[in-house]
Protein backbone atom coordinates (compact mmCIF):
# COMPACT_ATOMS: atom_id res chain seq x y z
CA MET A 1 94.68 83.58 125.52
CA THR A 2 90.95 83.70 126.31
CA THR A 3 89.02 80.88 127.86
CA GLN A 4 85.30 80.40 127.18
CA THR A 5 82.75 77.92 128.60
CA SER A 6 80.23 76.53 126.18
CA ALA A 7 76.60 75.51 126.85
CA MET A 8 77.79 71.83 127.06
CA GLY A 9 80.40 72.55 129.77
CA LYS A 10 83.47 72.20 127.58
CA THR A 11 86.16 74.72 127.93
CA LYS A 12 87.40 76.27 124.70
CA THR A 13 90.71 78.08 124.45
CA GLY A 14 91.47 80.26 121.47
CA GLY A 15 94.12 82.82 120.77
CA ARG A 16 95.21 85.22 118.07
CA PHE A 17 96.05 82.17 115.68
CA GLU A 18 92.49 80.91 115.63
CA LEU A 19 91.35 84.57 114.81
CA TYR A 20 93.91 84.96 112.09
CA ALA A 21 93.04 81.52 110.67
CA TRP A 22 89.30 82.48 110.56
CA PHE A 23 90.08 85.78 108.72
CA PHE A 24 92.38 83.92 106.36
CA THR A 25 89.79 81.40 105.41
CA ARG A 26 87.22 84.10 104.67
CA ALA A 27 89.68 86.18 102.70
CA THR A 28 90.97 83.32 100.69
CA GLY A 29 87.34 82.25 99.86
CA ILE A 30 86.83 85.69 98.26
CA LEU A 31 90.21 85.70 96.71
CA PHE A 32 89.41 82.31 94.97
CA LEU A 33 86.50 83.82 93.28
CA LEU A 34 88.40 86.95 92.12
CA MET A 35 91.43 84.88 90.87
CA GLY A 36 89.20 82.45 89.07
CA ALA A 37 87.13 85.25 87.34
CA PHE A 38 90.38 86.94 86.35
CA ASN A 39 91.79 83.72 84.82
CA LEU A 40 88.45 83.13 82.86
CA ILE A 41 88.44 86.69 81.51
CA TYR A 42 92.12 86.34 80.50
CA ALA A 43 91.31 82.91 78.88
CA ASN A 44 88.59 84.57 76.75
CA LEU A 45 90.69 87.59 75.84
CA THR A 46 93.55 85.38 74.62
CA GLY A 47 91.54 83.43 72.17
CA GLY A 48 90.03 80.73 74.30
CA ARG A 49 86.57 81.60 73.45
CA GLY A 50 86.80 80.29 69.88
CA HIS A 51 89.16 77.37 70.51
CA LEU A 52 87.85 75.75 73.71
CA ASP A 53 84.80 74.22 74.97
CA VAL A 54 83.49 75.17 78.44
CA GLY A 55 85.10 72.16 80.29
CA ALA A 56 88.60 72.82 78.76
CA GLN A 57 88.34 76.47 79.24
CA MET A 58 87.62 75.92 82.91
CA ARG A 59 90.48 73.50 83.33
CA TRP A 60 92.89 75.81 81.48
CA ALA A 61 91.69 79.01 83.46
CA PHE A 62 92.38 77.34 86.71
CA PHE A 63 95.68 75.40 86.00
CA PRO A 64 96.96 76.24 82.44
CA ILE A 65 99.20 73.34 81.54
CA SER A 66 99.51 72.12 77.92
CA SER A 67 97.97 68.71 78.48
CA HIS A 68 94.59 70.29 79.42
CA VAL A 69 94.33 71.91 76.01
CA SER A 70 96.33 69.55 73.77
CA SER A 71 93.52 69.15 71.37
CA THR A 72 93.20 72.90 70.72
CA SER A 73 95.30 75.48 68.87
CA VAL A 74 95.63 77.65 72.04
CA GLU A 75 99.23 77.98 73.10
CA VAL A 76 99.64 77.95 76.85
CA THR A 77 103.45 77.36 77.41
CA PRO A 78 104.26 81.02 76.95
CA ASN A 79 101.80 81.97 79.65
CA PHE A 80 103.23 79.46 82.12
CA ALA A 81 106.84 80.56 81.28
CA ASN A 82 105.92 84.09 82.29
CA PRO A 83 107.09 84.89 85.94
CA PHE A 84 103.80 86.63 86.66
CA TRP A 85 101.69 83.59 85.71
CA GLN A 86 104.02 81.30 87.54
CA ALA A 87 103.69 83.24 90.73
CA TYR A 88 99.93 83.68 90.22
CA SER A 89 99.53 79.96 89.73
CA PHE A 90 101.69 78.98 92.68
CA LEU A 91 99.86 81.54 94.89
CA LEU A 92 96.54 80.08 93.76
CA VAL A 93 97.59 76.60 94.71
CA ALA A 94 99.22 77.79 98.00
CA PHE A 95 96.15 79.64 99.12
CA ALA A 96 93.88 76.73 98.11
CA ALA A 97 95.92 74.20 99.97
CA THR A 98 96.33 76.43 103.06
CA HIS A 99 92.67 77.19 103.04
CA GLY A 100 91.66 73.45 102.76
CA PHE A 101 94.27 72.24 105.31
CA ASN A 102 93.15 74.76 107.78
CA GLY A 103 89.55 73.52 107.44
CA LEU A 104 90.85 70.00 108.06
CA ARG A 105 92.68 71.25 111.07
CA VAL A 106 89.54 72.66 112.53
CA ILE A 107 87.56 69.53 111.91
CA LEU A 108 90.35 67.51 113.57
CA GLU A 109 90.19 69.74 116.65
CA ASP A 110 86.41 69.45 116.80
CA TYR A 111 86.37 65.59 116.61
CA VAL A 112 89.55 64.19 118.01
CA GLN A 113 89.53 64.21 121.82
CA HIS A 114 92.66 62.37 122.62
CA PRO A 115 95.50 64.96 123.00
CA LEU A 116 98.36 62.66 121.79
CA LEU A 117 96.40 61.57 118.72
CA LEU A 118 95.46 65.21 117.91
CA THR A 119 99.17 66.10 118.08
CA TRP A 120 100.09 63.34 115.64
CA LEU A 121 97.43 64.10 113.31
CA ARG A 122 98.31 67.84 113.25
CA ALA A 123 101.86 66.96 112.48
CA LEU A 124 100.63 64.61 109.66
CA LEU A 125 98.48 67.42 108.25
CA VAL A 126 101.29 69.88 108.33
CA GLY A 127 103.58 67.33 106.68
CA ILE A 128 101.04 66.71 103.88
CA TRP A 129 100.42 70.50 103.47
CA LEU A 130 104.22 71.11 103.07
CA PHE A 131 104.41 68.30 100.53
CA VAL A 132 101.51 69.82 98.52
CA LEU A 133 103.32 73.22 98.59
CA VAL A 134 106.75 71.71 97.43
CA ALA A 135 104.94 69.69 94.79
CA ALA A 136 103.18 72.76 93.43
CA ALA A 137 106.39 74.83 93.43
CA PHE A 138 108.06 71.97 91.48
CA LEU A 139 105.27 71.77 88.88
CA VAL A 140 104.91 75.46 88.42
CA PHE A 141 108.57 76.60 88.38
CA VAL A 142 110.72 73.51 87.41
CA LEU A 143 108.60 71.45 85.00
CA VAL A 144 107.77 74.29 82.61
């Protein structure tokens, strides 16, 4: 673990976890762009171009559930029943949740000074993150 002193006199400690979290955040930011572009291209190739308006196409491309396109003639249930698309959608939600909650963790560590409060808020954050992942797995794998 390394120790650095900032210009304001505070001592910052950081380890490999912070480095990996920093790289993960950058990699998932790029990955979101690629996964979203792939979903939009797939939506256009499967007939969405002629049956969906732009707003519905964006909703369908990022989370293809039937209620998003109920007023169109595009069938989305077979896509979500496919194991590839189930895994793809779950990974997209898992990466997004982890990316976002990591950002919230960094904000907490920057602004919360009391160690006990910080520990409780971290635990709460991990609990909410796990709930989001379990809910996403339930929605993607069970409700289809």
